């Protein structure tokens, strides 16, 4: 039986650093072609799958929200059943390749319930960083106010 980890935390909170450690420990998140590529902003890598990123963005967009502006979720709850097959397909794809796997995407802070319904044998690691430091880092990276 496979063991999964969901890495949950806001952008710029240290989730990539933790995901890098999990990767070094042998936890699998996907083939290089399936991952969001490294860039100037994160030279060591994001350790985020493109399909997870895209599905989480779709879930938020359909709920009239984004990671930068999640306020639409206040009035609209996400129908987890609607995304059951899509999230299951991704988890099955990851877990078939490794006994120990992880999924990391900052949007999981908002979409976690869509993913957690598939695995009874997983754990969550929640990364917390001082909100002021996160805000300053996001401002520098995205010019967010």
C-alpha atoms as a PDB file:
ATOM      1  CA  UNK A   1       0.000   0.000   0.000  1.00  0.00           C
ATOM      2  CA  UNK A   2       1.283   3.446  -0.880  1.00  0.00           C
ATOM      3  CA  UNK A   3       1.767   6.216   1.647  1.00  0.00           C
ATOM      4  CA  UNK A   4       1.069   9.762   0.600  1.00  0.00           C
ATOM      5  CA  UNK A   5       1.871  13.178   1.956  1.00  0.00           C
ATOM      6  CA  UNK A   6       0.075  16.420   1.169  1.00  0.00           C
ATOM      7  CA  UNK A   7       2.326  19.439   1.644  1.00  0.00           C
ATOM      8  CA  UNK A   8       0.061  22.339   2.530  1.00  0.00           C
ATOM      9  CA  UNK A   9       1.113  25.932   2.936  1.00  0.00           C
ATOM     10  CA  UNK A  10       0.823  29.394   1.473  1.00  0.00           C
ATOM     11  CA  UNK A  11       3.008  30.563  -1.391  1.00  0.00           C
ATOM     12  CA  UNK A  12       6.432  31.736  -0.166  1.00  0.00           C
ATOM     13  CA  UNK A  13       6.093  29.838   3.129  1.00  0.00           C
ATOM     14  CA  UNK A  14       8.744  27.145   2.666  1.00  0.00           C
ATOM     15  CA  UNK A  15       6.714  24.401   0.989  1.00  0.00           C
ATOM     16  CA  UNK A  16       9.251  24.041  -1.838  1.00  0.00           C
ATOM     17  CA  UNK A  17      12.088  23.563   0.649  1.00  0.00           C
ATOM     18  CA  UNK A  18      10.145  20.830   2.430  1.00  0.00           C
ATOM     19  CA  UNK A  19       9.184  19.210  -0.881  1.00  0.00           C
ATOM     20  CA  UNK A  20      12.854  19.197  -1.866  1.00  0.00           C
ATOM     21  CA  UNK A  21      13.685  17.333   1.341  1.00  0.00           C
ATOM     22  CA  UNK A  22      10.901  14.802   0.691  1.00  0.00           C
ATOM     23  CA  UNK A  23      12.273  14.322  -2.819  1.00  0.00           C
ATOM     24  CA  UNK A  24      15.759  13.679  -1.433  1.00  0.00           C
ATOM     25  CA  UNK A  25      14.246  11.162   1.001  1.00  0.00           C
ATOM     26  CA  UNK A  26      12.829   9.192  -1.944  1.00  0.00           C
ATOM     27  CA  UNK A  27       9.235  10.397  -1.958  1.00  0.00           C
ATOM     28  CA  UNK A  28       7.915  10.671  -5.509  1.00  0.00           C
ATOM     29  CA  UNK A  29       5.908  13.536  -6.973  1.00  0.00           C
ATOM     30  CA  UNK A  30       6.308  12.947 -10.680  1.00  0.00           C
ATOM     31  CA  UNK A  31       8.598  12.749 -13.667  1.00  0.00           C
ATOM     32  CA  UNK A  32      10.511  15.922 -14.536  1.00  0.00           C
ATOM     33  CA  UNK A  33       8.306  16.538 -17.587  1.00  0.00           C
ATOM     34  CA  UNK A  34       5.216  16.524 -15.340  1.00  0.00           C
ATOM     35  CA  UNK A  35       6.587  19.188 -13.016  1.00  0.00           C
ATOM     36  CA  UNK A  36       6.417  22.985 -13.064  1.00  0.00           C
ATOM     37  CA  UNK A  37       9.904  23.963 -14.263  1.00  0.00           C
ATOM     38  CA  UNK A  38      12.481  25.717 -12.109  1.00  0.00           C
ATOM     39  CA  UNK A  39      12.889  29.430 -12.781  1.00  0.00           C
ATOM     40  CA  UNK A  40      14.605  32.572 -11.507  1.00  0.00           C
ATOM     41  CA  UNK A  41      12.119  32.722  -8.648  1.00  0.00           C
ATOM     42  CA  UNK A  42      12.792  29.206  -7.405  1.00  0.00           C
ATOM     43  CA  UNK A  43      16.091  27.909  -8.750  1.00  0.00           C
ATOM     44  CA  UNK A  44      15.946  24.607  -6.848  1.00  0.00           C
ATOM     45  CA  UNK A  45      12.436  23.815  -8.065  1.00  0.00           C
ATOM     46  CA  UNK A  46       8.830  24.088  -6.993  1.00  0.00           C
ATOM     47  CA  UNK A  47       8.171  20.320  -6.823  1.00  0.00           C
ATOM     48  CA  UNK A  48       4.666  20.983  -8.138  1.00  0.00           C
ATOM     49  CA  UNK A  49       2.962  18.860 -10.769  1.00  0.00           C
ATOM     50  CA  UNK A  50       1.539  20.743 -13.753  1.00  0.00           C
ATOM     51  CA  UNK A  51      -1.692  18.702 -13.686  1.00  0.00           C
ATOM     52  CA  UNK A  52      -2.256  19.403  -9.969  1.00  0.00           C
ATOM     53  CA  UNK A  53      -1.542  23.104 -10.482  1.00  0.00           C
ATOM     54  CA  UNK A  54      -3.928  23.296 -13.472  1.00  0.00           C
ATOM     55  CA  UNK A  55      -6.720  21.348 -11.779  1.00  0.00           C
ATOM     56  CA  UNK A  56      -6.470  23.426  -8.595  1.00  0.00           C
ATOM     57  CA  UNK A  57      -6.607  26.615 -10.681  1.00  0.00           C
ATOM     58  CA  UNK A  58      -9.683  25.275 -12.504  1.00  0.00           C
ATOM     59  CA  UNK A  59     -11.383  24.398  -9.213  1.00  0.00           C
ATOM     60  CA  UNK A  60     -10.753  27.908  -7.903  1.00  0.00           C
ATOM     61  CA  UNK A  61     -11.769  29.615 -11.163  1.00  0.00           C
ATOM     62  CA  UNK A  62     -15.034  27.660 -11.267  1.00  0.00           C
ATOM     63  CA  UNK A  63     -15.632  28.869  -7.713  1.00  0.00           C
ATOM     64  CA  UNK A  64     -15.025  32.464  -8.811  1.00  0.00           C
ATOM     65  CA  UNK A  65     -11.748  32.583  -6.888  1.00  0.00           C
ATOM     66  CA  UNK A  66      -7.996  32.545  -7.387  1.00  0.00           C
ATOM     67  CA  UNK A  67      -5.129  31.938  -4.990  1.00  0.00           C
ATOM     68  CA  UNK A  68      -4.558  35.707  -4.877  1.00  0.00           C
ATOM     69  CA  UNK A  69      -8.230  36.429  -4.251  1.00  0.00           C
ATOM     70  CA  UNK A  70     -10.001  33.486  -2.584  1.00  0.00           C
ATOM     71  CA  UNK A  71     -12.914  35.575  -1.378  1.00  0.00           C
ATOM     72  CA  UNK A  72     -15.415  33.975  -3.782  1.00  0.00           C
ATOM     73  CA  UNK A  73     -15.141  30.804  -1.702  1.00  0.00           C
ATOM     74  CA  UNK A  74     -16.892  32.628   1.127  1.00  0.00           C
ATOM     75  CA  UNK A  75     -20.241  32.285  -0.649  1.00  0.00           C
ATOM     76  CA  UNK A  76     -19.563  29.288  -2.883  1.00  0.00           C
ATOM     77  CA  UNK A  77     -18.510  25.953  -1.482  1.00  0.00           C
ATOM     78  CA  UNK A  78     -16.483  23.630  -3.658  1.00  0.00           C
ATOM     79  CA  UNK A  79     -18.350  20.492  -4.695  1.00  0.00           C
ATOM     80  CA  UNK A  80     -15.659  17.884  -4.019  1.00  0.00           C
ATOM     81  CA  UNK A  81     -17.650  15.168  -5.820  1.00  0.00           C
ATOM     82  CA  UNK A  82     -17.430  17.129  -9.055  1.00  0.00           C
ATOM     83  CA  UNK A  83     -13.639  16.731  -9.061  1.00  0.00           C
ATOM     84  CA  UNK A  84     -13.496  13.194  -7.641  1.00  0.00           C
ATOM     85  CA  UNK A  85     -12.450  11.432 -10.855  1.00  0.00           C
ATOM     86  CA  UNK A  86      -9.885  14.061 -11.836  1.00  0.00           C
ATOM     87  CA  UNK A  87      -8.126  14.123  -8.474  1.00  0.00           C
ATOM     88  CA  UNK A  88      -8.257  10.322  -8.182  1.00  0.00           C
ATOM     89  CA  UNK A  89      -6.669   9.918 -11.615  1.00  0.00           C
ATOM     90  CA  UNK A  90      -3.719  12.120 -10.617  1.00  0.00           C
ATOM     91  CA  UNK A  91      -3.215  10.411  -7.246  1.00  0.00           C
ATOM     92  CA  UNK A  92      -3.406   6.976  -8.896  1.00  0.00           C
ATOM     93  CA  UNK A  93      -0.821   8.065 -11.475  1.00  0.00           C
ATOM     94  CA  UNK A  94       1.591   9.201  -8.760  1.00  0.00           C
ATOM     95  CA  UNK A  95       1.053   6.297  -6.372  1.00  0.00           C
ATOM     96  CA  UNK A  96       1.444   3.625  -9.060  1.00  0.00           C
ATOM     97  CA  UNK A  97       5.012   4.847  -9.639  1.00  0.00           C
ATOM     98  CA  UNK A  98       6.098   4.864  -6.015  1.00  0.00           C
ATOM     99  CA  UNK A  99       5.215   3.411  -2.651  1.00  0.00           C
ATOM    100  CA  UNK A 100       5.856   6.815  -1.054  1.00  0.00           C
ATOM    101  CA  UNK A 101       4.565   9.938  -2.778  1.00  0.00           C
ATOM    102  CA  UNK A 102       3.711  13.563  -2.139  1.00  0.00           C
ATOM    103  CA  UNK A 103       1.624  16.316  -3.653  1.00  0.00           C
ATOM    104  CA  UNK A 104       2.614  19.910  -3.090  1.00  0.00           C
ATOM    105  CA  UNK A 105       0.762  22.961  -4.355  1.00  0.00           C
ATOM    106  CA  UNK A 106      -0.001  26.127  -2.373  1.00  0.00           C
ATOM    107  CA  UNK A 107      -3.567  26.026  -3.736  1.00  0.00           C
ATOM    108  CA  UNK A 108      -4.128  22.938  -1.568  1.00  0.00           C
ATOM    109  CA  UNK A 109      -4.804  25.420   1.245  1.00  0.00           C
ATOM    110  CA  UNK A 110      -8.090  26.047  -0.579  1.00  0.00           C
ATOM    111  CA  UNK A 111      -8.749  22.787  -2.479  1.00  0.00           C
ATOM    112  CA  UNK A 112      -7.544  20.135  -0.016  1.00  0.00           C
ATOM    113  CA  UNK A 113     -10.977  18.560   0.483  1.00  0.00           C
ATOM    114  CA  UNK A 114     -11.077  17.632  -3.204  1.00  0.00           C
ATOM    115  CA  UNK A 115      -7.857  15.649  -2.817  1.00  0.00           C
ATOM    116  CA  UNK A 116      -8.142  14.146   0.646  1.00  0.00           C
ATOM    117  CA  UNK A 117     -11.200  12.041  -0.173  1.00  0.00           C
ATOM    118  CA  UNK A 118      -9.077   9.445  -2.008  1.00  0.00           C
ATOM    119  CA  UNK A 119      -6.505   8.364   0.486  1.00  0.00           C
ATOM    120  CA  UNK A 120      -7.079   7.056   3.966  1.00  0.00           C
ATOM    121  CA  UNK A 121      -3.389   6.351   4.380  1.00  0.00           C
ATOM    122  CA  UNK A 122      -1.850   9.770   3.965  1.00  0.00           C
ATOM    123  CA  UNK A 123      -0.586  12.507   6.210  1.00  0.00           C
ATOM    124  CA  UNK A 124      -0.565  16.256   5.901  1.00  0.00           C
ATOM    125  CA  UNK A 125       2.352  18.514   6.590  1.00  0.00           C
ATOM    126  CA  UNK A 126       1.282  22.092   7.151  1.00  0.00           C
ATOM    127  CA  UNK A 127       3.962  24.732   6.695  1.00  0.00           C
ATOM    128  CA  UNK A 128       3.477  27.971   8.593  1.00  0.00           C
ATOM    129  CA  UNK A 129       5.518  31.124   8.167  1.00  0.00           C
ATOM    130  CA  UNK A 130       4.985  34.522   9.699  1.00  0.00           C
ATOM    131  CA  UNK A 131       2.211  36.105   7.576  1.00  0.00           C
ATOM    132  CA  UNK A 132       4.096  39.404   7.413  1.00  0.00           C
ATOM    133  CA  UNK A 133       7.138  37.632   5.943  1.00  0.00           C
ATOM    134  CA  UNK A 134       4.895  35.832   3.414  1.00  0.00           C
ATOM    135  CA  UNK A 135       3.299  39.161   2.460  1.00  0.00           C
ATOM    136  CA  UNK A 136       6.656  40.872   2.001  1.00  0.00           C
ATOM    137  CA  UNK A 137       7.949  37.978  -0.093  1.00  0.00           C
ATOM    138  CA  UNK A 138       4.796  37.969  -2.267  1.00  0.00           C
ATOM    139  CA  UNK A 139       5.023  41.724  -2.682  1.00  0.00           C
ATOM    140  CA  UNK A 140       8.610  41.448  -3.867  1.00  0.00           C
ATOM    141  CA  UNK A 141       7.823  38.550  -6.220  1.00  0.00           C
ATOM    142  CA  UNK A 142       4.387  39.531  -7.575  1.00  0.00           C
ATOM    143  CA  UNK A 143       4.008  43.173  -6.542  1.00  0.00           C
ATOM    144  CA  UNK A 144       0.925  42.132  -4.554  1.00  0.00           C
ATOM    145  CA  UNK A 145      -0.483  44.575  -2.034  1.00  0.00           C
END
